Amino acid sequence: MSSIERLAATRIVIAHRLSTVRNADRIYVMQRGRVVQAGNFDELIAVDGLFRRLVERQLT
């Protein structure tokens, strides 16, 4: 991840581990083929939604 983060380029990442996208500028949360949330990590974790539920599941 550190070598990827040093690249000065746009990256599209599909991740199951949410720690992978922790520092992303923009995160799109998809459910059943549709974008249901968008924002950065702090914005998404601050609201009750799919992203926060996924994070909570990974932490337990």
N, C-alpha and C. Protein backbone atom coordinates (compact mmCIF):
# COMPACT_ATOMS: atom_id res chain seq x y z
N MET A 1 0.82 -1.20 0.00
CA MET A 1 0.00 0.00 0.00
C MET A 1 0.87 1.26 0.00
N SER A 2 1.97 1.25 0.71
CA SER A 2 2.77 2.48 0.78
C SER A 2 3.33 2.86 -0.58
N SER A 3 3.73 1.88 -1.40
CA SER A 3 4.24 2.21 -2.74
C SER A 3 3.12 2.75 -3.62
N ILE A 4 1.91 2.24 -3.47
CA ILE A 4 0.78 2.74 -4.24
C ILE A 4 0.43 4.16 -3.81
N GLU A 5 0.49 4.43 -2.52
CA GLU A 5 0.16 5.76 -2.01
C GLU A 5 1.14 6.82 -2.49
N ARG A 6 2.37 6.43 -2.79
CA ARG A 6 3.37 7.40 -3.26
C ARG A 6 3.16 7.81 -4.72
N LEU A 7 2.39 7.04 -5.47
CA LEU A 7 2.14 7.37 -6.87
C LEU A 7 1.29 8.64 -6.98
N ALA A 8 1.70 9.52 -7.86
CA ALA A 8 0.92 10.73 -8.12
C ALA A 8 -0.04 10.41 -9.26
N ALA A 9 -1.06 9.62 -8.94
CA ALA A 9 -1.99 9.18 -9.98
C ALA A 9 -3.34 8.89 -9.36
N THR A 10 -4.36 8.92 -10.19
CA THR A 10 -5.69 8.53 -9.76
C THR A 10 -5.74 7.02 -9.70
N ARG A 11 -6.27 6.48 -8.63
CA ARG A 11 -6.39 5.03 -8.47
C ARG A 11 -7.82 4.67 -8.17
N ILE A 12 -8.27 3.58 -8.74
CA ILE A 12 -9.58 3.02 -8.41
C ILE A 12 -9.30 1.73 -7.67
N VAL A 13 -9.84 1.64 -6.47
CA VAL A 13 -9.57 0.49 -5.61
C VAL A 13 -10.90 -0.16 -5.25
N ILE A 14 -10.97 -1.44 -5.42
CA ILE A 14 -12.12 -2.21 -4.94
C ILE A 14 -11.62 -2.98 -3.74
N ALA A 15 -12.21 -2.74 -2.58
CA ALA A 15 -11.66 -3.30 -1.36
C ALA A 15 -12.73 -3.91 -0.47
N HIS A 16 -12.36 -4.98 0.17
CA HIS A 16 -13.21 -5.58 1.19
C HIS A 16 -12.74 -5.15 2.57
N ARG A 17 -11.44 -4.93 2.69
CA ARG A 17 -10.92 -4.41 3.95
C ARG A 17 -11.04 -2.90 3.92
N LEU A 18 -11.79 -2.37 4.83
CA LEU A 18 -12.06 -0.93 4.80
C LEU A 18 -10.84 -0.11 5.20
N SER A 19 -9.87 -0.73 5.88
CA SER A 19 -8.64 -0.01 6.19
C SER A 19 -7.88 0.35 4.92
N THR A 20 -8.11 -0.38 3.84
CA THR A 20 -7.46 -0.10 2.56
C THR A 20 -7.86 1.26 2.02
N VAL A 21 -9.06 1.70 2.29
CA VAL A 21 -9.55 2.97 1.75
C VAL A 21 -9.56 4.09 2.79
N ARG A 22 -8.94 3.88 3.92
CA ARG A 22 -8.95 4.84 5.02
C ARG A 22 -8.52 6.24 4.58
N ASN A 23 -7.51 6.32 3.75
CA ASN A 23 -6.98 7.63 3.35
C ASN A 23 -7.45 8.09 1.97
N ALA A 24 -8.46 7.44 1.44
CA ALA A 24 -8.96 7.82 0.11
C ALA A 24 -9.63 9.19 0.16
N ASP A 25 -9.47 9.94 -0.92
CA ASP A 25 -10.13 11.24 -1.03
C ASP A 25 -11.64 11.08 -1.19
N ARG A 26 -12.03 10.03 -1.89
CA ARG A 26 -13.46 9.80 -2.17
C ARG A 26 -13.73 8.31 -2.15
N ILE A 27 -14.76 7.92 -1.42
CA ILE A 27 -15.17 6.52 -1.31
C ILE A 27 -16.60 6.42 -1.82
N TYR A 28 -16.84 5.45 -2.68
CA TYR A 28 -18.19 5.17 -3.17
C TYR A 28 -18.60 3.82 -2.60
N VAL A 29 -19.71 3.79 -1.89
CA VAL A 29 -20.22 2.56 -1.29
C VAL A 29 -21.33 2.04 -2.19
N MET A 30 -21.16 0.80 -2.63
CA MET A 30 -22.14 0.23 -3.54
C MET A 30 -22.91 -0.90 -2.86
N GLN A 31 -24.17 -1.00 -3.21
CA GLN A 31 -25.04 -2.07 -2.72
C GLN A 31 -25.94 -2.49 -3.87
N ARG A 32 -25.88 -3.76 -4.21
CA ARG A 32 -26.69 -4.30 -5.32
C ARG A 32 -26.50 -3.52 -6.62
N GLY A 33 -25.24 -3.13 -6.90
CA GLY A 33 -24.91 -2.47 -8.15
C GLY A 33 -25.19 -0.98 -8.21
N ARG A 34 -25.60 -0.40 -7.09
CA ARG A 34 -25.90 1.04 -7.05
C ARG A 34 -25.05 1.73 -5.99
N VAL A 35 -24.66 2.95 -6.28
CA VAL A 35 -23.94 3.76 -5.30
C VAL A 35 -24.95 4.24 -4.27
N VAL A 36 -24.73 3.87 -3.00
CA VAL A 36 -25.67 4.27 -1.94
C VAL A 36 -25.09 5.33 -1.01
N GLN A 37 -23.77 5.51 -1.04
CA GLN A 37 -23.13 6.55 -0.24
C GLN A 37 -21.85 6.98 -0.94
N ALA A 38 -21.45 8.22 -0.70
CA ALA A 38 -20.19 8.72 -1.23
C ALA A 38 -19.64 9.76 -0.28
N GLY A 39 -18.33 9.79 -0.13
CA GLY A 39 -17.68 10.76 0.74
C GLY A 39 -16.32 10.24 1.13
N ASN A 40 -15.65 10.95 2.04
CA ASN A 40 -14.40 10.41 2.55
C ASN A 40 -14.70 9.57 3.79
N PHE A 41 -13.68 8.93 4.34
CA PHE A 41 -13.88 8.01 5.46
C PHE A 41 -14.59 8.68 6.63
N ASP A 42 -14.11 9.86 7.01
CA ASP A 42 -14.69 10.54 8.18
C ASP A 42 -16.15 10.94 7.95
N GLU A 43 -16.46 11.39 6.75
CA GLU A 43 -17.84 11.76 6.43
C GLU A 43 -18.76 10.53 6.49
N LEU A 44 -18.29 9.43 5.93
CA LEU A 44 -19.13 8.23 5.87
C LEU A 44 -19.31 7.58 7.23
N ILE A 45 -18.30 7.62 8.06
CA ILE A 45 -18.39 6.99 9.39
C ILE A 45 -19.27 7.83 10.32
N ALA A 46 -19.44 9.12 9.99
CA ALA A 46 -20.21 10.02 10.85
C ALA A 46 -21.72 9.85 10.71
N VAL A 47 -22.18 9.21 9.64
CA VAL A 47 -23.62 9.06 9.44
C VAL A 47 -24.01 7.59 9.54
N ASP A 48 -25.25 7.36 9.98
CA ASP A 48 -25.75 6.00 10.06
C ASP A 48 -26.03 5.51 8.64
N GLY A 49 -25.29 4.53 8.22
CA GLY A 49 -25.48 4.01 6.87
C GLY A 49 -24.71 2.72 6.68
N LEU A 50 -24.72 2.23 5.46
CA LEU A 50 -24.08 0.96 5.14
C LEU A 50 -22.59 0.98 5.46
N PHE A 51 -21.89 2.05 5.12
CA PHE A 51 -20.45 2.11 5.36
C PHE A 51 -20.14 1.94 6.84
N ARG A 52 -20.82 2.68 7.69
CA ARG A 52 -20.55 2.58 9.13
C ARG A 52 -20.87 1.19 9.66
N ARG A 53 -21.95 0.58 9.16
CA ARG A 53 -22.28 -0.78 9.59
C ARG A 53 -21.20 -1.77 9.17
N LEU A 54 -20.65 -1.58 7.97
CA LEU A 54 -19.57 -2.47 7.50
C LEU A 54 -18.33 -2.30 8.36
N VAL A 55 -17.99 -1.06 8.69
CA VAL A 55 -16.83 -0.81 9.55
C VAL A 55 -17.04 -1.44 10.92
N GLU A 56 -18.20 -1.25 11.49
CA GLU A 56 -18.48 -1.82 12.80
C GLU A 56 -18.38 -3.34 12.78
N ARG A 57 -18.84 -3.98 11.70
CA ARG A 57 -18.74 -5.44 11.58
C ARG A 57 -17.29 -5.89 11.51
N GLN A 58 -16.45 -5.13 10.82
CA GLN A 58 -15.06 -5.52 10.70
C GLN A 58 -14.30 -5.34 11.99
N LEU A 59 -14.75 -4.45 12.84
CA LEU A 59 -14.06 -4.19 14.11
C LEU A 59 -14.43 -5.19 15.19
N THR A 60 -15.51 -5.94 14.99
CA THR A 60 -15.91 -6.90 16.04
C THR A 60 -15.46 -8.28 15.71
